[in-house]
Protein backbone atom coordinates (compact mmCIF):
# COMPACT_ATOMS: atom_id res chain seq x y z
CA MET A 1 84.61 94.60 104.35
CA THR A 2 87.82 96.12 103.03
CA THR A 3 89.63 94.08 100.39
CA ALA A 4 93.32 93.48 101.05
CA ASP A 5 96.09 91.39 99.53
CA VAL A 6 97.84 88.74 101.63
CA LEU A 7 101.05 86.98 100.59
CA ILE A 8 101.75 83.55 102.11
CA ILE A 9 105.40 82.45 101.89
CA ASP A 10 105.81 78.86 103.06
CA ASP A 11 107.35 75.77 101.47
CA GLU A 12 104.72 73.43 102.98
CA SER A 13 101.71 73.19 100.70
CA ALA A 14 99.55 71.88 103.56
CA VAL A 15 100.19 75.08 105.54
CA ARG A 16 99.53 77.29 102.53
CA ASP A 17 96.29 75.49 101.71
CA ALA A 18 94.97 75.53 105.27
CA VAL A 19 95.71 79.22 105.77
CA ALA A 20 94.33 80.09 102.35
CA GLU A 21 91.08 78.22 102.98
CA ASP A 22 90.52 80.13 106.20
CA LEU A 23 91.50 83.60 104.91
CA LYS A 24 89.37 83.30 101.78
CA ARG A 25 86.33 83.64 104.02
CA GLU A 26 87.45 87.16 104.86
CA GLY A 27 87.48 88.13 101.20
CA TYR A 28 91.23 88.72 100.94
CA ASN A 29 93.15 88.42 97.68
CA LEU A 30 95.69 85.65 98.31
CA HIS A 31 99.12 85.16 96.74
CA PHE A 32 101.56 82.31 97.34
CA ALA A 33 105.30 81.62 97.29
CA GLN A 34 107.28 78.47 98.20
CA ASN A 35 110.45 80.32 99.24
CA GLY A 36 111.86 83.78 99.82
CA GLN A 37 112.96 84.21 96.23
CA GLU A 38 109.44 83.63 94.91
CA GLY A 39 108.17 85.81 97.73
CA ILE A 40 110.23 88.78 96.54
CA GLN A 41 108.79 88.38 93.06
CA GLN A 42 105.23 88.20 94.41
CA LEU A 43 105.88 91.23 96.60
CA ARG A 44 106.94 93.28 93.60
CA GLU A 45 104.00 92.18 91.47
CA ASN A 46 101.10 92.31 93.94
CA CYS A 47 101.93 94.83 96.69
CA PRO A 48 100.33 92.89 99.57
CA THR A 49 99.21 94.54 102.79
CA VAL A 50 100.31 91.58 104.94
CA ILE A 51 102.98 88.91 104.42
CA LEU A 52 102.84 85.60 106.30
CA LEU A 53 106.44 84.38 106.34
CA ASP A 54 107.88 81.00 107.30
CA LEU A 55 111.54 80.99 108.34
CA ARG A 56 112.73 77.51 107.37
CA MET A 57 112.59 77.18 103.56
CA PRO A 58 114.91 76.01 100.76
CA VAL A 59 116.50 78.27 98.12
CA MET A 60 115.96 81.45 100.18
CA ASP A 61 114.78 81.21 103.78
CA GLY A 62 112.81 83.77 105.78
CA PHE A 63 115.92 85.42 107.24
CA GLU A 64 117.37 86.03 103.79
CA PHE A 65 114.01 87.33 102.62
CA LEU A 66 113.92 89.88 105.46
CA GLU A 67 117.50 90.88 104.77
CA SER A 68 116.66 91.37 101.11
CA ILE A 69 113.56 93.54 101.55
CA GLN A 70 115.01 95.69 104.37
CA LEU A 71 111.68 96.11 106.17
CA ARG A 72 110.88 99.69 107.24
CA PRO A 73 107.99 101.11 109.33
CA GLN A 74 106.87 103.27 106.39
CA ASP A 75 106.54 100.29 104.03
CA PRO A 76 102.95 99.72 102.81
CA TYR A 77 103.00 96.14 104.12
CA SER A 78 103.68 94.37 107.40
CA VAL A 79 105.29 90.96 107.99
CA ILE A 80 103.98 88.25 110.31
CA VAL A 81 106.54 85.53 111.00
CA LEU A 82 105.49 81.90 111.49
CA THR A 83 107.96 80.35 113.89
CA GLY A 84 108.36 77.09 115.82
CA HIS A 85 108.76 76.58 119.56
CA GLY A 86 112.21 77.30 120.99
CA ASP A 87 113.13 79.80 118.27
CA ALA A 88 114.01 82.64 120.66
CA GLY A 89 117.18 83.41 118.70
CA ALA A 90 115.25 83.48 115.44
CA ILE A 91 112.64 85.80 116.94
CA LYS A 92 115.40 88.16 118.06
CA ILE A 93 116.88 88.25 114.55
CA CYS A 94 113.47 88.90 113.00
CA TYR A 95 112.67 91.60 115.54
CA GLU A 96 115.93 93.36 114.72
CA SER A 97 114.91 93.15 111.05
CA GLY A 98 111.71 95.10 111.75
CA VAL A 99 109.21 92.31 112.44
CA THR A 100 106.95 92.88 115.46
CA THR A 101 104.33 90.14 115.06
CA PHE A 102 104.96 86.41 115.49
CA ILE A 103 102.75 83.31 115.41
CA LYS A 104 104.12 80.08 116.84
CA LYS A 105 103.56 76.74 115.16
CA PRO A 106 101.43 74.76 115.44
CA PHE A 107 99.03 77.65 115.15
CA ASN A 108 95.28 77.95 115.40
CA LEU A 109 93.51 79.15 112.25
CA PHE A 110 91.33 81.49 114.30
CA GLU A 111 94.52 83.01 115.67
CA ILE A 112 95.87 83.45 112.13
CA ARG A 113 92.63 85.09 111.03
CA GLY A 114 92.56 87.48 113.99
CA VAL A 115 96.22 88.48 113.73
CA VAL A 116 95.98 89.03 109.97
CA LYS A 117 92.78 91.06 110.32
CA ASN A 118 94.35 93.26 113.00
CA ALA A 119 97.57 93.70 111.00
CA ILE A 120 95.60 94.73 107.91
CA ALA A 121 93.53 97.25 109.88
CA VAL A 122 96.63 98.79 111.47
CA LYS A 123 98.58 98.94 108.22
CA GLN A 124 95.65 100.37 106.24
CA LEU A 125 95.15 103.05 108.89
CA THR A 126 98.88 103.78 108.88
CA ASN A 127 98.92 103.98 105.09
CA TYR A 128 95.91 106.31 105.15
CA LEU A 129 97.57 108.58 107.70
CA ASP A 130 100.80 108.55 105.71
CA GLU A 131 98.91 109.57 102.57
CA LEU A 132 97.04 112.24 104.51
CA VAL A 133 100.27 113.67 105.90
CA LYS A 134 101.84 113.54 102.44
CA SER A 135 98.83 115.29 100.91
CA ARG A 136 98.78 117.97 103.60
CA THR A 137 102.53 118.41 103.29
CA GLU A 138 102.26 118.89 99.53
CA GLU A 139 99.40 121.35 100.08
CA LEU A 140 101.45 123.30 102.62
CA GLU A 141 104.46 123.26 100.32
CA GLN A 142 102.29 124.64 97.50
CA ARG A 143 100.97 127.39 99.76
CA MET A 144 104.50 128.15 100.88
CA ARG A 145 105.56 128.49 97.25
CA GLU A 146 102.63 130.85 96.64
CA VAL A 147 103.50 132.91 99.73
CA THR A 148 107.14 133.01 98.66
CA ALA A 149 106.13 134.18 95.17
CA LEU A 150 103.85 136.88 96.61
CA ASN A 151 106.61 137.98 98.95
CA GLN A 152 109.02 138.22 96.03
CA MET A 153 106.50 140.29 94.08
CA PHE A 154 106.11 142.58 97.09
CA GLN A 155 109.87 142.91 97.46
CA ASP A 156 110.24 143.70 93.75
CA GLN A 157 107.48 146.31 93.89
CA LEU A 158 108.98 147.78 97.04
CA SER A 159 112.36 148.03 95.31
CA LYS A 160 110.73 149.80 92.36
CA ASN A 161 108.96 152.19 94.72
CA ILE A 162 112.23 152.89 96.49
CA GLU A 163 113.95 153.52 93.16
CA SER A 164 111.11 155.83 92.09
CA GLU A 165 111.30 157.65 95.39
CA ALA A 166 115.05 158.01 95.00
CA GLU A 167 114.59 159.43 91.50
CA HIS A 168 111.89 161.78 92.82
CA ASN A 169 114.13 162.93 95.66
CA ALA A 170 117.02 163.46 93.24
CA LEU A 171 114.78 165.59 90.99
CA ILE A 172 113.55 167.65 93.94
CA GLY A 173 117.13 168.07 95.12
CA GLY A 174 118.16 169.26 91.66
CA LEU A 175 115.32 171.77 91.56
CA GLU A 176 116.20 173.05 95.00
CA ARG A 177 119.82 173.51 93.96
CA LEU A 178 118.66 175.31 90.81
CA ILE A 179 116.49 177.62 92.91
CA ASP A 180 119.39 178.31 95.27
CA GLU A 181 121.71 179.07 92.37
CA THR A 182 119.10 181.33 90.78
CA GLU A 183 118.58 183.18 94.05
CA GLU A 184 122.33 183.60 94.37
CA LEU A 185 122.55 185.02 90.86
CA LEU A 186 119.70 187.41 91.67
CA ARG A 187 121.47 188.45 94.83
CA LEU A 188 124.68 189.11 92.93
CA ALA A 189 122.73 191.02 90.29
CA ARG A 190 121.07 193.15 92.96
CA ASN A 191 124.39 193.83 94.59
CA LYS A 192 125.81 194.90 91.26
CA GLN A 193 122.75 197.08 90.69
CA SER A 194 123.30 198.70 94.05
CA THR A 195 126.93 199.36 93.17
CA ASN A 196 125.96 200.96 89.87
CA ASP A 197 123.34 203.10 91.56
CA SER A 198 126.01 204.51 93.86
CA GLN A 199 128.23 205.83 90.96
CA PRO A 200 128.51 209.72 91.16
CA GLY A 201 126.75 211.92 88.61
CA PHE A 202 124.14 209.37 87.64
CA ALA A 203 120.89 208.38 89.19
CA ASN A 204 118.94 205.27 88.37
CA GLU A 205 115.97 207.30 87.31
CA GLU A 206 118.12 209.26 84.86
CA LEU A 207 119.18 206.08 83.11
CA GLY A 208 115.63 205.01 82.54
CA GLY A 209 116.00 201.89 84.70
CA GLU A 210 119.20 200.74 82.96
CA THR A 211 122.55 200.45 84.68
CA LEU A 212 125.59 202.39 83.67
CA ASP A 213 127.26 199.24 82.33
CA ASP A 214 124.26 198.66 80.07
CA LEU A 215 124.77 202.06 78.40
CA LEU A 216 128.51 201.82 77.82
CA PRO A 217 129.99 200.32 74.65
CA PRO A 218 131.03 196.65 74.85
CA GLY A 219 134.38 196.10 76.49
CA GLN A 220 134.22 199.28 78.58
CA ASP A 221 133.11 199.26 82.18
CA ALA A 222 131.86 202.03 84.41
CA SER A 223 135.08 202.48 86.36
CA PHE A 224 136.59 205.98 86.23
CA GLY A 225 140.04 207.28 86.98
C-alpha cells in the first residue's frame, strides 16, 4: 500500500470526520481545513496528493480557493470537488478551473474511497512519469553539453591543423620561390659566363676557369673599344 497525503477542506465537521474515518483505513495521511484560506496553508505545508474540496464555505469558499491556487495539469496534486445536486453552473466553473472529478452530496463513503484511491493512483503515476521525463531530459541535456564540448574541441583542433597547414604551405611556397630565384641567378650567371667565353683572344681554358671580369681590376669591365 502506497502512503499518500489527503487534504479535506470542508466547513462541516461531520463531513470531515466521516470521510476521515473511512480514509484512515487506507493508510492515508489526512489533513483538514475548515475553509479555503486554511486549505491554502495546509496545501503549502503538507503537499497532499489529493484535495477533497467543498464549495460552500465561509471566509474563503471553494471557488476562491481554486482561483487562488490556479490548478494546472502538472501540479503534484489533484482536486476532487464535493458538490450538491443542481449545481451545474458550479460544476462548469470548477471544470474551467481545472477540476475534472466531482462527487455529489449526499455521497457514499465507498464512492469517496474509490474515487480518492483512483485519483491517487493516477496522480502518483503522472508524477512518476513527469519525474522520469525530467530525469531523462536532464540526462539528454548533459549529453548534449558533452557532445557540444567535444565538437568545440574538434573545431578548435581542426582550426589549429588548418593554421599549421597554412604555415607549412607558406614555408613550402617560400622555399619554392627561393629555389626559383636561385635557378634564375644561376641562369643569369651561366649566360654571363657564356658571354665572357665568347670574348676574342681569350679562351676559358687559358684563364684557368676564371672569367675575364674576374681577372680585371675592380671597376673595369671586359668591354673593349
